[in-house]
Amino acid sequence: MKRIRHDTWASILGVIHLGLMVNLLVLVTASPLVVLLVTTDPMRSWPLLALAAPPAAPALAAAFATFRAHDEGETQVVRAFLRAWRATARASLLIGTAATVAVVVLLVDVRMLAATAASVVVVPLLLLLVALAAVVTLLSLAAVAEVPQARLRDVVRAALYLGVRRWYLQALSFAVLGVQCAVFTVMPAVAIGITAAAALYVVWANSRHSLRPVLEREEAPADR
């Protein structure tokens, strides 16, 4: 049998270290939301969840930026995560707040209109808008992680356009997140401690690929 090279072991251990540390850092920085999800019934505690959701957005943006830094050769996961959190906190918090408000309003409308005669037409449209808001949010957070200095208006516009155009990648991302939610429901400790980083990595990779046209335009001036 061939011996595994030292570089291969180092790469494997680096990926494991990246995953475990990102899980821990996301847990710490998004702890209010995680604690509520673990200890309460979301159907009853949704107002508290709505308050805790926006502060969790910087954790996702920082995780995405940490994955990018690791791909570029950064080995200090904690330093990369904290640096990214500071750089993206304001923009990602605004994105998270706007997304939470939009989703709450839309879902309240769904609840109010579900028993009306117009529900057959209106409710599917509102749910489609909820899905679109979720897509734009994820892509916007990924864009902010890639280009922290970008204007939010440009970020949201690009996320909306590319999210719709490359819907199949978003479908894959949400399928992965759906599996992660299912694991969280059954085994919260496994979902938080082991599988979260893998799910977020897939979402980040899909989002980055979706955003490639605008990211290439941002990088082009720097290459000249």
Protein backbone atom coordinates (compact mmCIF):
# COMPACT_ATOMS: atom_id res chain seq x y z
CA MET A 1 0.00 0.00 0.00
CA LYS A 2 1.20 3.48 -0.82
CA ARG A 3 1.89 5.77 2.08
CA ILE A 4 -0.16 8.94 2.20
CA ARG A 5 2.04 11.96 1.66
CA HIS A 6 2.52 14.52 4.40
CA ASP A 7 0.95 17.26 2.25
CA THR A 8 -2.18 15.15 1.84
CA TRP A 9 -2.50 14.67 5.60
CA ALA A 10 -1.93 18.37 6.13
CA SER A 11 -4.69 19.22 3.65
CA ILE A 12 -7.13 16.79 5.28
CA LEU A 13 -6.41 18.08 8.77
CA GLY A 14 -6.66 21.67 7.51
CA VAL A 15 -10.14 21.03 6.12
CA ILE A 16 -11.24 19.34 9.35
CA HIS A 17 -9.86 22.24 11.38
CA LEU A 18 -11.61 24.73 9.09
CA GLY A 19 -14.95 22.96 9.46
CA LEU A 20 -14.82 22.58 13.23
CA MET A 21 -13.67 26.15 13.86
CA VAL A 22 -16.25 27.66 11.50
CA ASN A 23 -18.94 25.65 13.28
CA LEU A 24 -17.77 26.97 16.63
CA LEU A 25 -17.43 30.57 15.49
CA VAL A 26 -20.83 30.61 13.80
CA LEU A 27 -22.36 29.11 16.93
CA VAL A 28 -20.81 31.83 19.12
CA THR A 29 -21.60 34.78 16.86
CA ALA A 30 -25.14 33.59 16.11
CA SER A 31 -25.81 32.17 19.58
CA PRO A 32 -29.09 34.05 20.31
CA LEU A 33 -30.72 32.55 17.22
CA VAL A 34 -29.27 29.09 17.80
CA VAL A 35 -30.35 29.03 21.45
CA LEU A 36 -33.89 30.03 20.52
CA LEU A 37 -34.09 27.39 17.81
CA VAL A 38 -32.91 24.70 20.21
CA THR A 39 -34.97 25.66 23.25
CA THR A 40 -38.26 27.01 21.85
CA ASP A 41 -41.03 26.11 19.43
CA PRO A 42 -40.46 28.26 16.32
CA MET A 43 -44.19 28.42 15.63
CA ARG A 44 -44.72 30.17 18.96
CA SER A 45 -41.46 32.03 19.40
CA TRP A 46 -41.24 33.49 15.88
CA PRO A 47 -41.26 37.12 17.11
CA LEU A 48 -38.11 36.40 19.14
CA LEU A 49 -36.61 34.51 16.21
CA ALA A 50 -37.27 37.53 13.99
CA LEU A 51 -35.34 39.72 16.44
CA ALA A 52 -32.46 37.25 16.67
CA ALA A 53 -32.17 36.57 12.93
CA PRO A 54 -30.54 39.84 11.71
CA PRO A 55 -27.54 39.61 14.11
CA ALA A 56 -26.88 36.12 12.74
CA ALA A 57 -26.36 37.44 9.20
CA PRO A 58 -22.79 38.70 9.88
CA ALA A 59 -21.90 35.18 11.05
CA LEU A 60 -22.88 33.76 7.65
CA ALA A 61 -21.00 36.45 5.75
CA ALA A 62 -17.92 35.88 7.90
CA ALA A 63 -18.14 32.12 7.31
CA PHE A 64 -18.31 32.67 3.55
CA ALA A 65 -15.31 35.01 3.68
CA THR A 66 -13.40 32.48 5.78
CA PHE A 67 -13.95 29.79 3.15
CA ARG A 68 -12.60 32.13 0.50
CA ALA A 69 -9.57 32.98 2.66
CA HIS A 70 -8.88 29.28 3.20
CA ASP A 71 -9.00 28.65 -0.54
CA GLU A 72 -6.46 31.45 -0.95
CA GLY A 73 -4.07 29.82 1.53
CA GLU A 74 -5.06 31.37 4.87
CA THR A 75 -4.52 28.87 7.71
CA GLN A 76 -5.53 31.03 10.68
CA VAL A 77 -9.27 30.34 10.72
CA VAL A 78 -10.14 32.40 13.80
CA ARG A 79 -8.22 35.43 12.55
CA ALA A 80 -9.80 35.19 9.11
CA PHE A 81 -13.31 34.83 10.55
CA LEU A 82 -12.99 37.76 12.96
CA ARG A 83 -11.44 39.98 10.31
CA ALA A 84 -14.27 39.16 7.93
CA TRP A 85 -16.89 39.67 10.62
CA ARG A 86 -15.62 43.18 11.32
CA ALA A 87 -15.40 44.03 7.62
CA THR A 88 -18.90 42.81 6.73
CA ALA A 89 -20.87 43.33 9.96
CA ARG A 90 -22.61 46.57 9.02
CA ALA A 91 -23.61 45.58 5.49
CA SER A 92 -24.66 42.05 6.41
CA LEU A 93 -26.67 43.31 9.39
CA LEU A 94 -28.59 45.65 7.10
CA ILE A 95 -29.18 42.82 4.65
CA GLY A 96 -30.34 40.51 7.43
CA THR A 97 -32.67 43.13 8.88
CA ALA A 98 -34.26 43.96 5.52
CA ALA A 99 -34.69 40.27 4.69
CA THR A 100 -36.23 39.48 8.08
CA VAL A 101 -38.73 42.33 7.81
CA ALA A 102 -39.70 41.31 4.28
CA VAL A 103 -40.14 37.64 5.16
CA VAL A 104 -42.14 38.38 8.33
CA VAL A 105 -44.49 40.74 6.47
CA LEU A 106 -44.98 38.26 3.65
CA LEU A 107 -45.64 35.31 5.97
CA VAL A 108 -48.09 37.34 8.06
CA ASP A 109 -49.91 38.19 4.83
CA VAL A 110 -49.98 34.51 3.93
CA ARG A 111 -51.50 33.69 7.30
CA MET A 112 -54.13 36.42 6.97
CA LEU A 113 -55.09 35.61 3.38
CA ALA A 114 -54.96 31.81 3.60
CA ALA A 115 -58.68 31.54 4.38
CA THR A 116 -59.87 34.05 1.78
CA ALA A 117 -61.18 33.45 -1.71
CA ALA A 118 -58.07 35.06 -3.21
CA SER A 119 -55.71 32.62 -1.46
CA VAL A 120 -55.41 30.36 -4.52
CA VAL A 121 -53.72 33.16 -6.45
CA VAL A 122 -52.22 35.38 -3.77
CA VAL A 123 -50.68 32.84 -1.40
CA PRO A 124 -48.46 31.11 -4.02
CA LEU A 125 -47.29 34.53 -5.17
CA LEU A 126 -46.41 35.58 -1.62
CA LEU A 127 -44.55 32.31 -1.00
CA LEU A 128 -42.64 32.85 -4.22
CA LEU A 129 -41.63 36.28 -2.93
CA VAL A 130 -40.47 34.67 0.34
CA ALA A 131 -38.28 32.26 -1.63
CA LEU A 132 -36.94 35.13 -3.73
CA ALA A 133 -36.12 37.12 -0.59
CA ALA A 134 -34.20 34.13 0.78
CA VAL A 135 -32.26 33.74 -2.47
CA VAL A 136 -31.36 37.43 -2.62
CA THR A 137 -30.29 37.37 1.03
CA LEU A 138 -27.89 34.45 0.62
CA LEU A 139 -26.39 35.84 -2.57
CA SER A 140 -26.08 39.32 -1.04
CA LEU A 141 -24.24 37.94 1.99
CA ALA A 142 -21.91 35.99 -0.30
CA ALA A 143 -21.30 39.12 -2.39
CA VAL A 144 -20.53 41.20 0.69
CA ALA A 145 -18.11 38.51 1.83
CA GLU A 146 -16.32 38.73 -1.52
CA VAL A 147 -16.42 42.54 -1.92
CA PRO A 148 -17.05 44.20 1.48
CA GLN A 149 -16.75 47.70 0.04
CA ALA A 150 -19.50 47.20 -2.57
CA ARG A 151 -22.59 49.39 -2.41
CA LEU A 152 -25.60 47.57 -1.00
CA ARG A 153 -27.82 48.78 -3.84
CA ASP A 154 -25.49 47.18 -6.38
CA VAL A 155 -25.18 44.03 -4.29
CA VAL A 156 -28.94 43.51 -4.01
CA ARG A 157 -29.49 44.29 -7.69
CA ALA A 158 -26.87 41.75 -8.76
CA ALA A 159 -28.18 39.16 -6.31
CA LEU A 160 -31.73 39.55 -7.61
CA TYR A 161 -30.75 39.30 -11.27
CA LEU A 162 -28.26 36.44 -10.94
CA GLY A 163 -30.38 34.59 -8.38
CA VAL A 164 -33.24 34.37 -10.86
CA ARG A 165 -31.00 33.70 -13.85
CA ARG A 166 -29.11 30.87 -12.11
CA TRP A 167 -32.06 29.51 -10.16
CA TYR A 168 -30.84 25.92 -10.42
CA LEU A 169 -27.81 26.71 -8.24
CA GLN A 170 -30.07 28.34 -5.67
CA ALA A 171 -32.30 25.27 -5.74
CA LEU A 172 -29.27 23.12 -4.90
CA SER A 173 -28.27 25.47 -2.08
CA PHE A 174 -31.72 25.34 -0.53
CA ALA A 175 -31.87 21.57 -0.92
CA VAL A 176 -28.63 21.36 1.10
CA LEU A 177 -30.01 23.80 3.68
CA GLY A 178 -33.19 21.74 3.85
CA VAL A 179 -31.17 18.63 4.68
CA GLN A 180 -29.24 20.63 7.27
CA CYS A 181 -32.51 21.78 8.87
CA ALA A 182 -33.74 18.19 8.95
CA VAL A 183 -30.53 17.08 10.68
CA PHE A 184 -30.85 20.00 13.11
CA THR A 185 -34.40 18.96 13.99
CA VAL A 186 -33.36 15.39 14.80
CA MET A 187 -29.78 15.86 16.05
CA PRO A 188 -29.02 19.51 16.90
CA ALA A 189 -25.56 18.76 18.26
CA VAL A 190 -24.50 17.00 15.06
CA ALA A 191 -25.96 19.73 12.88
CA ILE A 192 -24.24 22.51 14.82
CA GLY A 193 -20.95 20.78 15.56
CA ILE A 194 -20.30 18.75 12.41
CA THR A 195 -22.46 19.35 9.35
CA ALA A 196 -23.08 23.12 9.48
CA ALA A 197 -19.78 24.13 7.90
CA ALA A 198 -20.16 21.60 5.09
CA ALA A 199 -23.66 22.89 4.28
CA LEU A 200 -22.49 26.51 4.39
CA TYR A 201 -19.53 25.68 2.16
CA VAL A 202 -21.83 24.26 -0.51
CA VAL A 203 -24.05 27.35 -0.27
CA TRP A 204 -21.02 29.62 -0.52
CA ALA A 205 -19.58 27.74 -3.51
CA ASN A 206 -22.91 27.87 -5.35
CA SER A 207 -23.42 31.53 -4.48
CA ARG A 208 -19.91 32.45 -5.59
CA HIS A 209 -20.41 30.64 -8.88
CA SER A 210 -23.72 32.45 -9.37
CA LEU A 211 -22.02 35.79 -8.72
CA ARG A 212 -19.05 35.08 -10.96
CA PRO A 213 -20.03 37.58 -13.72
CA VAL A 214 -20.06 40.54 -11.33
CA LEU A 215 -17.11 39.30 -9.30
CA GLU A 216 -15.00 39.05 -12.44
CA ARG A 217 -15.87 42.66 -13.28
CA GLU A 218 -14.79 43.73 -9.78
CA GLU A 219 -11.49 41.89 -10.11
CA ALA A 220 -10.73 43.09 -13.64
CA PRO A 221 -9.64 46.68 -12.72
CA ALA A 222 -7.27 45.33 -10.06
CA ASP A 223 -5.59 43.10 -12.67
CA ARG A 224 -4.80 45.93 -15.03
